[in-house]
C-alpha atoms as a PDB file:
ATOM      1  CA  MET A   1       5.102  48.887 -19.966  1.00  0.00           C
ATOM      2  CA  LEU A   2       2.996  45.767 -20.085  1.00  0.00           C
ATOM      3  CA  VAL A   3       6.147  43.582 -20.236  1.00  0.00           C
ATOM      4  CA  ALA A   4       7.519  45.184 -17.048  1.00  0.00           C
ATOM      5  CA  PHE A   5       4.144  44.687 -15.329  1.00  0.00           C
ATOM      6  CA  CYS A   6       4.246  40.972 -16.175  1.00  0.00           C
ATOM      7  CA  ALA A   7       7.777  40.491 -15.007  1.00  0.00           C
ATOM      8  CA  CYS A   8       6.944  42.208 -11.696  1.00  0.00           C
ATOM      9  CA  THR A   9       3.918  40.082 -11.270  1.00  0.00           C
ATOM     10  CA  LEU A  10       5.914  36.891 -11.821  1.00  0.00           C
ATOM     11  CA  GLY A  11       8.633  38.070  -9.537  1.00  0.00           C
ATOM     12  CA  ALA A  12      11.168  37.615 -12.325  1.00  0.00           C
ATOM     13  CA  ALA A  13      13.993  39.873 -13.377  1.00  0.00           C
ATOM     14  CA  ASP A  14      13.168  42.686 -15.813  1.00  0.00           C
ATOM     15  CA  THR A  15      12.016  41.227 -19.170  1.00  0.00           C
ATOM     16  CA  ILE A  16      13.422  42.901 -22.247  1.00  0.00           C
ATOM     17  CA  PRO A  17      13.492  42.058 -25.957  1.00  0.00           C
ATOM     18  CA  ALA A  18      16.753  40.793 -27.391  1.00  0.00           C
ATOM     19  CA  GLY A  19      17.247  44.018 -29.450  1.00  0.00           C
ATOM     20  CA  GLU A  20      17.394  46.022 -26.283  1.00  0.00           C
ATOM     21  CA  ALA A  21      19.824  43.850 -24.262  1.00  0.00           C
ATOM     22  CA  LYS A  22      22.730  46.063 -25.222  1.00  0.00           C
ATOM     23  CA  ASP A  23      21.159  48.819 -23.128  1.00  0.00           C
ATOM     24  CA  HIS A  24      21.195  46.613 -20.041  1.00  0.00           C
ATOM     25  CA  VAL A  25      24.755  45.324 -19.836  1.00  0.00           C
ATOM     26  CA  GLY A  26      25.760  44.636 -16.195  1.00  0.00           C
ATOM     27  CA  LYS A  27      22.161  44.002 -15.132  1.00  0.00           C
ATOM     28  CA  THR A  28      20.348  40.827 -14.404  1.00  0.00           C
ATOM     29  CA  ALA A  29      17.348  40.463 -16.645  1.00  0.00           C
ATOM     30  CA  THR A  30      15.275  38.171 -18.678  1.00  0.00           C
ATOM     31  CA  VAL A  31      15.889  38.570 -22.405  1.00  0.00           C
ATOM     32  CA  CYS A  32      13.345  37.222 -24.898  1.00  0.00           C
ATOM     33  CA  GLY A  33      13.471  36.599 -28.611  1.00  0.00           C
ATOM     34  CA  LYS A  34      13.539  33.999 -31.346  1.00  0.00           C
ATOM     35  CA  VAL A  35      16.668  31.820 -31.788  1.00  0.00           C
ATOM     36  CA  ALA A  36      17.575  32.572 -35.380  1.00  0.00           C
ATOM     37  CA  SER A  37      20.813  30.615 -35.537  1.00  0.00           C
ATOM     38  CA  ALA A  38      22.618  28.211 -33.189  1.00  0.00           C
ATOM     39  CA  ARG A  39      26.088  26.592 -33.287  1.00  0.00           C
ATOM     40  CA  TYR A  40      28.088  24.180 -31.176  1.00  0.00           C
ATOM     41  CA  LEU A  41      31.856  24.653 -31.469  1.00  0.00           C
ATOM     42  CA  ASP A  42      32.929  21.212 -30.182  1.00  0.00           C
ATOM     43  CA  SER A  43      36.586  21.656 -31.199  1.00  0.00           C
ATOM     44  CA  SER A  44      36.898  25.175 -29.744  1.00  0.00           C
ATOM     45  CA  ASN A  45      38.728  25.807 -26.412  1.00  0.00           C
ATOM     46  CA  ARG A  46      35.677  26.064 -24.035  1.00  0.00           C
ATOM     47  CA  GLN A  47      33.252  24.182 -26.358  1.00  0.00           C
ATOM     48  CA  PRO A  48      30.713  26.945 -26.486  1.00  0.00           C
ATOM     49  CA  THR A  49      27.187  26.580 -27.833  1.00  0.00           C
ATOM     50  CA  PHE A  50      25.804  29.867 -29.162  1.00  0.00           C
ATOM     51  CA  LEU A  51      22.131  30.688 -29.411  1.00  0.00           C
ATOM     52  CA  ASN A  52      21.783  33.815 -31.521  1.00  0.00           C
ATOM     53  CA  PHE A  53      18.593  35.775 -31.038  1.00  0.00           C
ATOM     54  CA  ASP A  54      16.443  37.545 -33.652  1.00  0.00           C
ATOM     55  CA  LYS A  55      18.913  37.426 -36.604  1.00  0.00           C
ATOM     56  CA  PRO A  56      21.486  34.827 -37.591  1.00  0.00           C
ATOM     57  CA  PHE A  57      25.190  35.308 -36.723  1.00  0.00           C
ATOM     58  CA  PRO A  58      26.880  37.810 -37.253  1.00  0.00           C
ATOM     59  CA  ASP A  59      23.913  40.191 -37.292  1.00  0.00           C
ATOM     60  CA  HIS A  60      22.330  38.907 -34.066  1.00  0.00           C
ATOM     61  CA  PRO A  61      21.628  41.571 -31.377  1.00  0.00           C
ATOM     62  CA  PHE A  62      22.032  39.138 -28.480  1.00  0.00           C
ATOM     63  CA  SER A  63      23.371  35.632 -27.704  1.00  0.00           C
ATOM     64  CA  ALA A  64      22.973  33.059 -25.010  1.00  0.00           C
ATOM     65  CA  ILE A  65      26.059  30.955 -24.510  1.00  0.00           C
ATOM     66  CA  ILE A  66      26.484  27.489 -22.914  1.00  0.00           C
ATOM     67  CA  PHE A  67      30.022  26.301 -22.270  1.00  0.00           C
ATOM     68  CA  GLY A  68      31.105  22.665 -22.542  1.00  0.00           C
ATOM     69  CA  PRO A  69      30.873  21.668 -18.866  1.00  0.00           C
ATOM     70  CA  ASN A  70      27.245  22.763 -18.604  1.00  0.00           C
ATOM     71  CA  ARG A  71      26.141  21.516 -22.101  1.00  0.00           C
ATOM     72  CA  SER A  72      24.909  18.094 -21.037  1.00  0.00           C
ATOM     73  CA  LYS A  73      22.373  19.682 -18.813  1.00  0.00           C
ATOM     74  CA  PHE A  74      20.653  21.254 -21.886  1.00  0.00           C
ATOM     75  CA  GLY A  75      20.526  18.167 -24.241  1.00  0.00           C
ATOM     76  CA  LYS A  76      21.318  19.411 -27.801  1.00  0.00           C
ATOM     77  CA  PRO A  77      20.589  23.158 -27.465  1.00  0.00           C
ATOM     78  CA  GLU A  78      21.580  24.010 -31.000  1.00  0.00           C
ATOM     79  CA  HIS A  79      18.833  21.723 -32.277  1.00  0.00           C
ATOM     80  CA  ASP A  80      16.281  21.897 -29.431  1.00  0.00           C
ATOM     81  CA  TYR A  81      16.098  25.638 -29.263  1.00  0.00           C
ATOM     82  CA  LEU A  82      16.610  26.583 -32.911  1.00  0.00           C
ATOM     83  CA  GLU A  83      13.647  28.657 -34.382  1.00  0.00           C
ATOM     84  CA  LYS A  84      12.017  28.725 -30.886  1.00  0.00           C
ATOM     85  CA  ASN A  85      10.922  31.711 -28.925  1.00  0.00           C
ATOM     86  CA  LEU A  86      13.046  31.691 -25.714  1.00  0.00           C
ATOM     87  CA  CYS A  87      13.451  33.805 -22.658  1.00  0.00           C
ATOM     88  CA  VAL A  88      16.771  33.460 -20.830  1.00  0.00           C
ATOM     89  CA  THR A  89      17.642  34.907 -17.480  1.00  0.00           C
ATOM     90  CA  GLY A  90      20.988  35.953 -16.153  1.00  0.00           C
ATOM     91  CA  GLU A  91      23.557  38.780 -16.006  1.00  0.00           C
ATOM     92  CA  ILE A  92      23.929  40.462 -19.350  1.00  0.00           C
ATOM     93  CA  ARG A  93      27.600  40.855 -20.249  1.00  0.00           C
ATOM     94  CA  ASP A  94      29.266  42.535 -23.151  1.00  0.00           C
ATOM     95  CA  TYR A  95      31.450  40.237 -25.354  1.00  0.00           C
ATOM     96  CA  ASN A  96      33.174  41.977 -28.268  1.00  0.00           C
ATOM     97  CA  GLY A  97      30.480  44.615 -28.461  1.00  0.00           C
ATOM     98  CA  LYS A  98      27.570  42.094 -28.302  1.00  0.00           C
ATOM     99  CA  PRO A  99      25.446  41.425 -25.231  1.00  0.00           C
ATOM    100  CA  GLU A 100      25.155  37.880 -23.981  1.00  0.00           C
ATOM    101  CA  ILE A 101      24.038  35.726 -21.020  1.00  0.00           C
ATOM    102  CA  GLU A 102      25.895  32.687 -20.024  1.00  0.00           C
ATOM    103  CA  LEU A 103      23.563  29.725 -19.282  1.00  0.00           C
ATOM    104  CA  THR A 104      24.644  27.264 -16.625  1.00  0.00           C
ATOM    105  CA  ASP A 105      21.293  25.793 -15.587  1.00  0.00           C
ATOM    106  CA  PRO A 106      18.282  24.889 -17.713  1.00  0.00           C
ATOM    107  CA  LYS A 107      16.098  26.807 -15.173  1.00  0.00           C
ATOM    108  CA  GLN A 108      17.513  29.950 -16.822  1.00  0.00           C
ATOM    109  CA  VAL A 109      15.619  29.087 -20.062  1.00  0.00           C
ATOM    110  CA  ARG A 110      11.892  29.269 -20.735  1.00  0.00           C
ATOM    111  CA  VAL A 111      10.447  28.250 -24.085  1.00  0.00           C
ATOM    112  CA  GLU A 112       7.568  30.520 -25.133  1.00  0.00           C
ATOM    113  CA  SER A 113       4.549  29.146 -26.817  1.00  0.00           C
ATOM    114  CA  LYS A 114       4.282  31.985 -29.448  1.00  0.00           C
END
């Protein structure tokens, strides 16, 4: 309840914990959690960078993904965001049974000071 109040006060999308993102697929929201593992697949087709929240891959409940063309806007996200508490905003999509948000702009990311 307090989280929703804060999100409304800030004028942001609904804020939800990473573990609940699966219940909000298809909605635009702000998902928060700790980046437990991160990986850049530079030799893969779309050169994705995965930021896996709360638990390391493959047990993570949620991921933020940055594809190659947008990667330079984020520096080295697999290093810069690892072990940090992040909130990411965007449309939650289902990918192979896991919720994710695609990041295209650093404004979608907020590092929490927790």
